[in-house]
PDB file of N, CA and C in Angstrom:
ATOM      1  N   UNK A   1     173.643 187.045 228.447  1.00  0.00           N
ATOM      2  CA  UNK A   1     173.392 186.031 228.050  1.00  0.00           C
ATOM      3  C   UNK A   1     172.433 185.405 227.703  1.00  0.00           C
ATOM      4  N   UNK A   2     171.181 185.683 228.633  1.00  0.00           N
ATOM      5  CA  UNK A   2     170.146 185.433 227.946  1.00  0.00           C
ATOM      6  C   UNK A   2     169.185 185.248 226.674  1.00  0.00           C
ATOM      7  N   UNK A   3     169.503 186.559 226.667  1.00  0.00           N
ATOM      8  CA  UNK A   3     169.111 186.493 224.100  1.00  0.00           C
ATOM      9  C   UNK A   3     170.092 185.621 223.616  1.00  0.00           C
ATOM     10  N   UNK A   4     171.425 184.929 223.914  1.00  0.00           N
ATOM     11  CA  UNK A   4     171.972 184.239 223.441  1.00  0.00           C
ATOM     12  C   UNK A   4     171.538 182.441 223.753  1.00  0.00           C
ATOM     13  N   UNK A   5     171.449 182.798 224.639  1.00  0.00           N
ATOM     14  CA  UNK A   5     170.685 181.199 224.986  1.00  0.00           C
ATOM     15  C   UNK A   5     169.362 181.147 224.612  1.00  0.00           C
ATOM     16  N   UNK A   6     168.630 181.839 224.327  1.00  0.00           N
ATOM     17  CA  UNK A   6     167.015 181.893 223.957  1.00  0.00           C
ATOM     18  C   UNK A   6     167.566 181.766 222.054  1.00  0.00           C
ATOM     19  N   UNK A   7     168.774 182.336 221.567  1.00  0.00           N
ATOM     20  CA  UNK A   7     169.093 182.358 220.216  1.00  0.00           C
ATOM     21  C   UNK A   7     168.666 180.581 219.444  1.00  0.00           C
ATOM     22  N   UNK A   8     169.537 180.148 220.902  1.00  0.00           N
ATOM     23  CA  UNK A   8     170.374 178.777 220.254  1.00  0.00           C
ATOM     24  C   UNK A   8     168.817 177.673 220.874  1.00  0.00           C
ATOM     25  N   UNK A   9     167.630 178.429 222.044  1.00  0.00           N
ATOM     26  CA  UNK A   9     166.674 177.226 222.044  1.00  0.00           C
ATOM     27  C   UNK A   9     167.606 176.274 223.546  1.00  0.00           C
ATOM     28  N   UNK A  10     168.334 176.933 224.358  1.00  0.00           N
ATOM     29  CA  UNK A  10     168.524 176.998 225.379  1.00  0.00           C
ATOM     30  C   UNK A  10     167.846 176.912 226.458  1.00  0.00           C
ATOM     31  N   UNK A  11     167.305 175.994 227.192  1.00  0.00           N
ATOM     32  CA  UNK A  11     166.589 176.445 228.442  1.00  0.00           C
ATOM     33  C   UNK A  11     167.996 176.990 230.142  1.00  0.00           C
ATOM     34  N   UNK A  12     168.296 178.462 230.377  1.00  0.00           N
ATOM     35  CA  UNK A  12     168.913 178.340 231.314  1.00  0.00           C
ATOM     36  C   UNK A  12     168.694 178.227 233.220  1.00  0.00           C
ATOM     37  N   UNK A  13     169.481 177.558 233.181  1.00  0.00           N
ATOM     38  CA  UNK A  13     169.565 177.061 235.047  1.00  0.00           C
ATOM     39  C   UNK A  13     169.210 177.979 236.440  1.00  0.00           C
ATOM     40  N   UNK A  14     168.780 178.856 236.116  1.00  0.00           N
ATOM     41  CA  UNK A  14     169.385 179.568 237.253  1.00  0.00           C
ATOM     42  C   UNK A  14     168.137 181.137 236.275  1.00  0.00           C
ATOM     43  N   UNK A  15     168.222 182.045 237.599  1.00  0.00           N
ATOM     44  CA  UNK A  15     167.738 183.213 237.337  1.00  0.00           C
ATOM     45  C   UNK A  15     167.745 184.153 236.681  1.00  0.00           C
ATOM     46  N   UNK A  16     167.006 185.626 237.514  1.00  0.00           N
ATOM     47  CA  UNK A  16     167.535 187.061 236.751  1.00  0.00           C
ATOM     48  C   UNK A  16     168.822 187.025 237.882  1.00  0.00           C
ATOM     49  N   UNK A  17     169.841 188.594 236.971  1.00  0.00           N
ATOM     50  CA  UNK A  17     170.820 188.218 238.403  1.00  0.00           C
ATOM     51  C   UNK A  17     170.302 189.248 239.677  1.00  0.00           C
ATOM     52  N   UNK A  18     170.640 188.878 240.585  1.00  0.00           N
ATOM     53  CA  UNK A  18     170.402 189.091 241.898  1.00  0.00           C
ATOM     54  C   UNK A  18     169.207 188.152 242.558  1.00  0.00           C
ATOM     55  N   UNK A  19     169.037 187.215 242.378  1.00  0.00           N
ATOM     56  CA  UNK A  19     167.724 186.348 242.605  1.00  0.00           C
ATOM     57  C   UNK A  19     168.753 185.416 243.923  1.00  0.00           C
ATOM     58  N   UNK A  20     169.089 185.292 244.921  1.00  0.00           N
ATOM     59  CA  UNK A  20     170.391 184.780 245.147  1.00  0.00           C
ATOM     60  C   UNK A  20     169.648 183.544 245.917  1.00  0.00           C
ATOM     61  N   UNK A  21     168.278 182.460 245.621  1.00  0.00           N
ATOM     62  CA  UNK A  21     168.078 181.234 245.993  1.00  0.00           C
ATOM     63  C   UNK A  21     168.144 180.466 244.473  1.00  0.00           C
ATOM     64  N   UNK A  22     168.346 181.005 243.819  1.00  0.00           N
ATOM     65  CA  UNK A  22     168.736 180.676 242.868  1.00  0.00           C
ATOM     66  C   UNK A  22     169.864 179.516 242.755  1.00  0.00           C
ATOM     67  N   UNK A  23     171.106 179.521 243.206  1.00  0.00           N
ATOM     68  CA  UNK A  23     171.460 178.357 243.745  1.00  0.00           C
ATOM     69  C   UNK A  23     172.536 178.015 244.760  1.00  0.00           C
ATOM     70  N   UNK A  24     171.223 178.654 245.883  1.00  0.00           N
ATOM     71  CA  UNK A  24     171.642 178.077 247.030  1.00  0.00           C
ATOM     72  C   UNK A  24     172.405 177.194 247.090  1.00  0.00           C
ATOM     73  N   UNK A  25     172.130 175.932 246.774  1.00  0.00           N
ATOM     74  CA  UNK A  25     171.694 174.880 247.225  1.00  0.00           C
ATOM     75  C   UNK A  25     173.474 174.481 247.186  1.00  0.00           C
ATOM     76  N   UNK A  26     173.903 174.980 245.477  1.00  0.00           N
ATOM     77  CA  UNK A  26     174.962 174.653 245.123  1.00  0.00           C
ATOM     78  C   UNK A  26     175.983 175.425 245.875  1.00  0.00           C
ATOM     79  N   UNK A  27     175.796 176.921 246.030  1.00  0.00           N
ATOM     80  CA  UNK A  27     176.904 177.572 247.624  1.00  0.00           C
ATOM     81  C   UNK A  27     176.997 177.455 248.926  1.00  0.00           C
ATOM     82  N   UNK A  28     175.962 176.131 248.812  1.00  0.00           N
ATOM     83  CA  UNK A  28     176.067 175.265 249.591  1.00  0.00           C
ATOM     84  C   UNK A  28     177.288 174.414 250.318  1.00  0.00           C
ATOM     85  N   UNK A  29     176.843 173.730 248.955  1.00  0.00           N
ATOM     86  CA  UNK A  29     177.649 172.558 249.055  1.00  0.00           C
ATOM     87  C   UNK A  29     179.099 172.769 248.882  1.00  0.00           C
ATOM     88  N   UNK A  30     179.709 173.958 247.679  1.00  0.00           N
ATOM     89  CA  UNK A  30     180.703 173.980 247.440  1.00  0.00           C
ATOM     90  C   UNK A  30     181.110 175.170 248.663  1.00  0.00           C
ATOM     91  N   UNK A  31     181.149 175.535 249.887  1.00  0.00           N
ATOM     92  CA  UNK A  31     181.304 176.222 251.033  1.00  0.00           C
ATOM     93  C   UNK A  31     181.483 175.267 252.071  1.00  0.00           C
ATOM     94  N   UNK A  32     180.856 174.155 252.320  1.00  0.00           N
ATOM     95  CA  UNK A  32     181.109 172.891 252.834  1.00  0.00           C
ATOM     96  C   UNK A  32     182.458 172.427 252.641  1.00  0.00           C
ATOM     97  N   UNK A  33     182.024 172.338 250.931  1.00  0.00           N
ATOM     98  CA  UNK A  33     183.607 171.965 250.216  1.00  0.00           C
ATOM     99  C   UNK A  33     184.829 172.493 251.305  1.00  0.00           C
ATOM    100  N   UNK A  34     184.802 173.421 250.660  1.00  0.00           N
ATOM    101  CA  UNK A  34     186.078 174.179 251.064  1.00  0.00           C
ATOM    102  C   UNK A  34     186.126 174.381 252.520  1.00  0.00           C
ATOM    103  N   UNK A  35     185.205 175.251 253.334  1.00  0.00           N
ATOM    104  CA  UNK A  35     186.095 175.052 255.260  1.00  0.00           C
ATOM    105  C   UNK A  35     185.637 173.121 255.364  1.00  0.00           C
ATOM    106  N   UNK A  36     186.000 172.007 255.095  1.00  0.00           N
ATOM    107  CA  UNK A  36     185.514 170.662 255.299  1.00  0.00           C
ATOM    108  C   UNK A  36     187.095 169.930 255.056  1.00  0.00           C
ATOM    109  N   UNK A  37     187.399 170.793 253.506  1.00  0.00           N
ATOM    110  CA  UNK A  37     188.733 169.727 253.013  1.00  0.00           C
ATOM    111  C   UNK A  37     189.097 170.809 252.467  1.00  0.00           C
ATOM    112  N   UNK A  38     189.753 171.724 251.448  1.00  0.00           N
ATOM    113  CA  UNK A  38     189.678 172.430 250.792  1.00  0.00           C
ATOM    114  C   UNK A  38     191.346 173.342 251.346  1.00  0.00           C
ATOM    115  N   UNK A  39     190.736 174.211 252.398  1.00  0.00           N
ATOM    116  CA  UNK A  39     191.155 175.124 253.294  1.00  0.00           C
ATOM    117  C   UNK A  39     192.516 174.522 254.129  1.00  0.00           C
ATOM    118  N   UNK A  40     191.696 172.667 254.163  1.00  0.00           N
ATOM    119  CA  UNK A  40     193.055 172.098 255.035  1.00  0.00           C
ATOM    120  C   UNK A  40     193.789 171.524 254.606  1.00  0.00           C
ATOM    121  N   UNK A  41     193.596 171.437 253.037  1.00  0.00           N
ATOM    122  CA  UNK A  41     195.064 170.663 252.659  1.00  0.00           C
ATOM    123  C   UNK A  41     195.637 171.456 251.699  1.00  0.00           C
ATOM    124  N   UNK A  42     196.710 170.855 250.647  1.00  0.00           N
ATOM    125  CA  UNK A  42     197.741 171.613 249.769  1.00  0.00           C
ATOM    126  C   UNK A  42     197.933 170.477 248.656  1.00  0.00           C
ATOM    127  N   UNK A  43     197.435 171.219 247.501  1.00  0.00           N
ATOM    128  CA  UNK A  43     197.374 170.281 246.037  1.00  0.00           C
ATOM    129  C   UNK A  43     198.409 170.961 245.169  1.00  0.00           C
ATOM    130  N   UNK A  44     199.352 169.687 245.133  1.00  0.00           N
ATOM    131  CA  UNK A  44     200.432 170.115 244.500  1.00  0.00           C
ATOM    132  C   UNK A  44     200.035 170.318 242.812  1.00  0.00           C
ATOM    133  N   UNK A  45     198.956 170.055 241.640  1.00  0.00           N
ATOM    134  CA  UNK A  45     198.882 169.758 240.700  1.00  0.00           C
ATOM    135  C   UNK A  45     197.505 170.008 240.913  1.00  0.00           C
ATOM    136  N   UNK A  46     196.677 170.428 240.195  1.00  0.00           N
ATOM    137  CA  UNK A  46     195.546 170.496 239.508  1.00  0.00           C
ATOM    138  C   UNK A  46     194.665 169.236 239.579  1.00  0.00           C
ATOM    139  N   UNK A  47     195.408 168.571 238.342  1.00  0.00           N
ATOM    140  CA  UNK A  47     194.995 167.051 238.454  1.00  0.00           C
ATOM    141  C   UNK A  47     194.574 166.270 239.571  1.00  0.00           C
ATOM    142  N   UNK A  48     195.283 166.845 241.039  1.00  0.00           N
ATOM    143  CA  UNK A  48     195.088 167.111 242.250  1.00  0.00           C
ATOM    144  C   UNK A  48     193.741 167.417 243.372  1.00  0.00           C
ATOM    145  N   UNK A  49     193.907 168.331 242.311  1.00  0.00           N
ATOM    146  CA  UNK A  49     192.798 168.879 243.190  1.00  0.00           C
ATOM    147  C   UNK A  49     191.347 168.365 242.673  1.00  0.00           C
ATOM    148  N   UNK A  50     191.316 167.866 241.225  1.00  0.00           N
ATOM    149  CA  UNK A  50     190.085 167.590 240.514  1.00  0.00           C
ATOM    150  C   UNK A  50     189.672 166.171 241.525  1.00  0.00           C
ATOM    151  N   UNK A  51     191.071 165.404 241.840  1.00  0.00           N
ATOM    152  CA  UNK A  51     190.846 163.925 241.966  1.00  0.00           C
ATOM    153  C   UNK A  51     190.277 164.313 243.605  1.00  0.00           C
ATOM    154  N   UNK A  52     191.124 164.863 244.300  1.00  0.00           N
ATOM    155  CA  UNK A  52     190.157 164.937 246.114  1.00  0.00           C
ATOM    156  C   UNK A  52     188.990 165.677 245.613  1.00  0.00           C
ATOM    157  N   UNK A  53     188.424 166.401 244.826  1.00  0.00           N
ATOM    158  CA  UNK A  53     187.291 167.020 244.471  1.00  0.00           C
ATOM    159  C   UNK A  53     186.031 165.309 244.021  1.00  0.00           C
ATOM    160  N   UNK A  54     186.290 164.866 242.914  1.00  0.00           N
ATOM    161  CA  UNK A  54     185.786 163.752 242.829  1.00  0.00           C
ATOM    162  C   UNK A  54     185.387 162.732 244.486  1.00  0.00           C
ATOM    163  N   UNK A  55     187.196 162.266 244.969  1.00  0.00           N
ATOM    164  CA  UNK A  55     186.326 160.780 246.302  1.00  0.00           C
ATOM    165  C   UNK A  55     185.788 162.073 247.278  1.00  0.00           C
ATOM    166  N   UNK A  56     185.812 163.329 247.690  1.00  0.00           N
ATOM    167  CA  UNK A  56     185.148 164.102 248.445  1.00  0.00           C
ATOM    168  C   UNK A  56     183.195 164.004 247.643  1.00  0.00           C
ATOM    169  N   UNK A  57     183.091 164.623 246.963  1.00  0.00           N
ATOM    170  CA  UNK A  57     181.705 164.197 246.096  1.00  0.00           C
ATOM    171  C   UNK A  57     180.615 163.007 246.837  1.00  0.00           C
ATOM    172  N   UNK A  58     181.580 161.946 246.429  1.00  0.00           N
ATOM    173  CA  UNK A  58     181.300 160.897 246.234  1.00  0.00           C
ATOM    174  C   UNK A  58     181.409 160.278 247.990  1.00  0.00           C
ATOM    175  N   UNK A  59     181.419 160.896 248.757  1.00  0.00           N
ATOM    176  CA  UNK A  59     182.138 160.824 250.185  1.00  0.00           C
ATOM    177  C   UNK A  59     180.808 161.576 250.620  1.00  0.00           C
ATOM    178  N   UNK A  60     181.074 162.669 250.461  1.00  0.00           N
ATOM    179  CA  UNK A  60     179.495 163.162 251.030  1.00  0.00           C
ATOM    180  C   UNK A  60     178.287 162.999 250.668  1.00  0.00           C
ATOM    181  N   UNK A  61     178.009 162.478 249.433  1.00  0.00           N
ATOM    182  CA  UNK A  61     176.878 162.245 248.609  1.00  0.00           C
ATOM    183  C   UNK A  61     176.033 160.230 248.549  1.00  0.00           C
ATOM    184  N   UNK A  62     177.599 159.428 249.178  1.00  0.00           N
ATOM    185  CA  UNK A  62     176.590 158.735 250.161  1.00  0.00           C
ATOM    186  C   UNK A  62     176.913 158.193 251.178  1.00  0.00           C
ATOM    187  N   UNK A  63     178.138 158.987 251.888  1.00  0.00           N
ATOM    188  CA  UNK A  63     178.406 158.702 252.805  1.00  0.00           C
ATOM    189  C   UNK A  63     178.192 159.440 254.178  1.00  0.00           C
ATOM    190  N   UNK A  64     178.107 160.937 253.907  1.00  0.00           N
ATOM    191  CA  UNK A  64     177.893 162.022 254.923  1.00  0.00           C
ATOM    192  C   UNK A  64     176.592 162.348 255.139  1.00  0.00           C
ATOM    193  N   UNK A  65     176.332 161.950 256.105  1.00  0.00           N
ATOM    194  CA  UNK A  65     174.359 161.753 257.154  1.00  0.00           C
ATOM    195  C   UNK A  65     174.238 163.657 256.462  1.00  0.00           C
ATOM    196  N   UNK A  66     172.899 163.854 256.962  1.00  0.00           N
ATOM    197  CA  UNK A  66     172.341 165.837 256.700  1.00  0.00           C
ATOM    198  C   UNK A  66     171.122 165.711 257.851  1.00  0.00           C
ATOM    199  N   UNK A  67     171.331 166.719 258.357  1.00  0.00           N
ATOM    200  CA  UNK A  67     170.227 167.077 259.204  1.00  0.00           C
ATOM    201  C   UNK A  67     169.038 167.108 258.795  1.00  0.00           C
ATOM    202  N   UNK A  68     168.827 167.671 257.137  1.00  0.00           N
ATOM    203  CA  UNK A  68     167.617 167.943 256.338  1.00  0.00           C
ATOM    204  C   UNK A  68     167.038 166.787 256.267  1.00  0.00           C
ATOM    205  N   UNK A  69     167.700 165.838 255.835  1.00  0.00           N
ATOM    206  CA  UNK A  69     167.063 164.618 255.569  1.00  0.00           C
ATOM    207  C   UNK A  69     166.641 163.337 256.330  1.00  0.00           C
ATOM    208  N   UNK A  70     166.452 164.095 257.330  1.00  0.00           N
ATOM    209  CA  UNK A  70     166.390 162.466 258.380  1.00  0.00           C
ATOM    210  C   UNK A  70     168.164 161.617 258.684  1.00  0.00           C
ATOM    211  N   UNK A  71     169.126 163.019 258.724  1.00  0.00           N
ATOM    212  CA  UNK A  71     170.759 162.157 259.480  1.00  0.00           C
ATOM    213  C   UNK A  71     170.586 160.960 257.957  1.00  0.00           C
ATOM    214  N   UNK A  72     170.215 160.611 256.782  1.00  0.00           N
ATOM    215  CA  UNK A  72     170.665 159.651 255.718  1.00  0.00           C
ATOM    216  C   UNK A  72     171.908 160.465 254.861  1.00  0.00           C
ATOM    217  N   UNK A  73     172.519 160.258 254.034  1.00  0.00           N
ATOM    218  CA  UNK A  73     172.993 160.632 253.316  1.00  0.00           C
ATOM    219  C   UNK A  73     172.389 160.360 251.760  1.00  0.00           C
ATOM    220  N   UNK A  74     172.690 161.165 251.054  1.00  0.00           N
ATOM    221  CA  UNK A  74     171.795 162.385 249.971  1.00  0.00           C
ATOM    222  C   UNK A  74     171.636 160.678 249.475  1.00  0.00           C
ATOM    223  N   UNK A  75     172.494 159.714 248.814  1.00  0.00           N
ATOM    224  CA  UNK A  75     172.690 158.462 247.923  1.00  0.00           C
ATOM    225  C   UNK A  75     171.132 157.476 248.569  1.00  0.00           C
ATOM    226  N   UNK A  76     171.086 158.080 250.589  1.00  0.00           N
ATOM    227  CA  UNK A  76     170.410 156.352 251.150  1.00  0.00           C
ATOM    228  C   UNK A  76     168.896 157.757 250.639  1.00  0.00           C
ATOM    229  N   UNK A  77     168.809 158.706 250.906  1.00  0.00           N
ATOM    230  CA  UNK A  77     167.524 159.408 250.957  1.00  0.00           C
ATOM    231  C   UNK A  77     167.164 159.579 249.626  1.00  0.00           C
ATOM    232  N   UNK A  78     167.172 159.475 248.649  1.00  0.00           N
ATOM    233  CA  UNK A  78     166.735 159.466 247.260  1.00  0.00           C
ATOM    234  C   UNK A  78     166.966 157.646 247.019  1.00  0.00           C
ATOM    235  N   UNK A  79     167.662 156.876 247.623  1.00  0.00           N
ATOM    236  CA  UNK A  79     167.150 155.149 247.401  1.00  0.00           C
ATOM    237  C   UNK A  79     165.997 155.512 247.870  1.00  0.00           C
ATOM    238  N   UNK A  80     165.961 156.046 249.383  1.00  0.00           N
ATOM    239  CA  UNK A  80     164.468 155.577 249.861  1.00  0.00           C
ATOM    240  C   UNK A  80     163.026 156.518 249.395  1.00  0.00           C
ATOM    241  N   UNK A  81     163.084 157.491 247.764  1.00  0.00           N
ATOM    242  CA  UNK A  81     162.292 157.851 247.445  1.00  0.00           C
ATOM    243  C   UNK A  81     161.580 157.176 246.477  1.00  0.00           C
ATOM    244  N   UNK A  82     162.912 156.652 246.356  1.00  0.00           N
ATOM    245  CA  UNK A  82     162.692 155.635 244.996  1.00  0.00           C
ATOM    246  C   UNK A  82     161.613 154.156 244.778  1.00  0.00           C
ATOM    247  N   UNK A  83     161.963 154.143 246.462  1.00  0.00           N
ATOM    248  CA  UNK A  83     161.319 152.299 247.961  1.00  0.00           C
ATOM    249  C   UNK A  83     160.016 153.205 247.663  1.00  0.00           C
ATOM    250  N   UNK A  84     159.722 153.695 247.910  1.00  0.00           N
ATOM    251  CA  UNK A  84     158.055 154.559 248.382  1.00  0.00           C
ATOM    252  C   UNK A  84     157.423 154.381 246.947  1.00  0.00           C
ATOM    253  N   UNK A  85     158.380 154.976 245.864  1.00  0.00           N
ATOM    254  CA  UNK A  85     157.818 155.329 244.518  1.00  0.00           C
ATOM    255  C   UNK A  85     156.983 153.491 244.037  1.00  0.00           C
ATOM    256  N   UNK A  86     158.465 153.077 243.736  1.00  0.00           N
ATOM    257  CA  UNK A  86     158.200 151.299 243.509  1.00  0.00           C
ATOM    258  C   UNK A  86     156.794 150.618 243.934  1.00  0.00           C
ATOM    259  N   UNK A  87     157.049 151.123 245.206  1.00  0.00           N
ATOM    260  CA  UNK A  87     155.754 150.676 246.683  1.00  0.00           C
ATOM    261  C   UNK A  87     154.431 150.937 246.431  1.00  0.00           C
ATOM    262  N   UNK A  88     154.541 152.486 246.400  1.00  0.00           N
ATOM    263  CA  UNK A  88     152.756 152.779 245.569  1.00  0.00           C
ATOM    264  C   UNK A  88     152.000 151.751 244.000  1.00  0.00           C
ATOM    265  N   UNK A  89     153.464 151.514 243.222  1.00  0.00           N
ATOM    266  CA  UNK A  89     152.601 151.452 242.177  1.00  0.00           C
ATOM    267  C   UNK A  89     152.019 150.184 242.108  1.00  0.00           C
TER     268      UNK A  89
END
């Protein structure tokens, strides 16, 4: 895979096999989704599941507060960073 990406001038978004921390954030996100929502519901169709994932992701990023960013939602935290950048300029 690395050779194919290199041949086509693509930069991979992960490191070598066995490097567990490369996608730890993504693994944590999907684990949270599965435990908070997926395992508790049944989906009749794939499109229903896709719609639910979209709705949950909007809630997760826009409303769910995270202790790692001062009990803000990810969207609020991101906006606070941009506000600091704008005031420093």
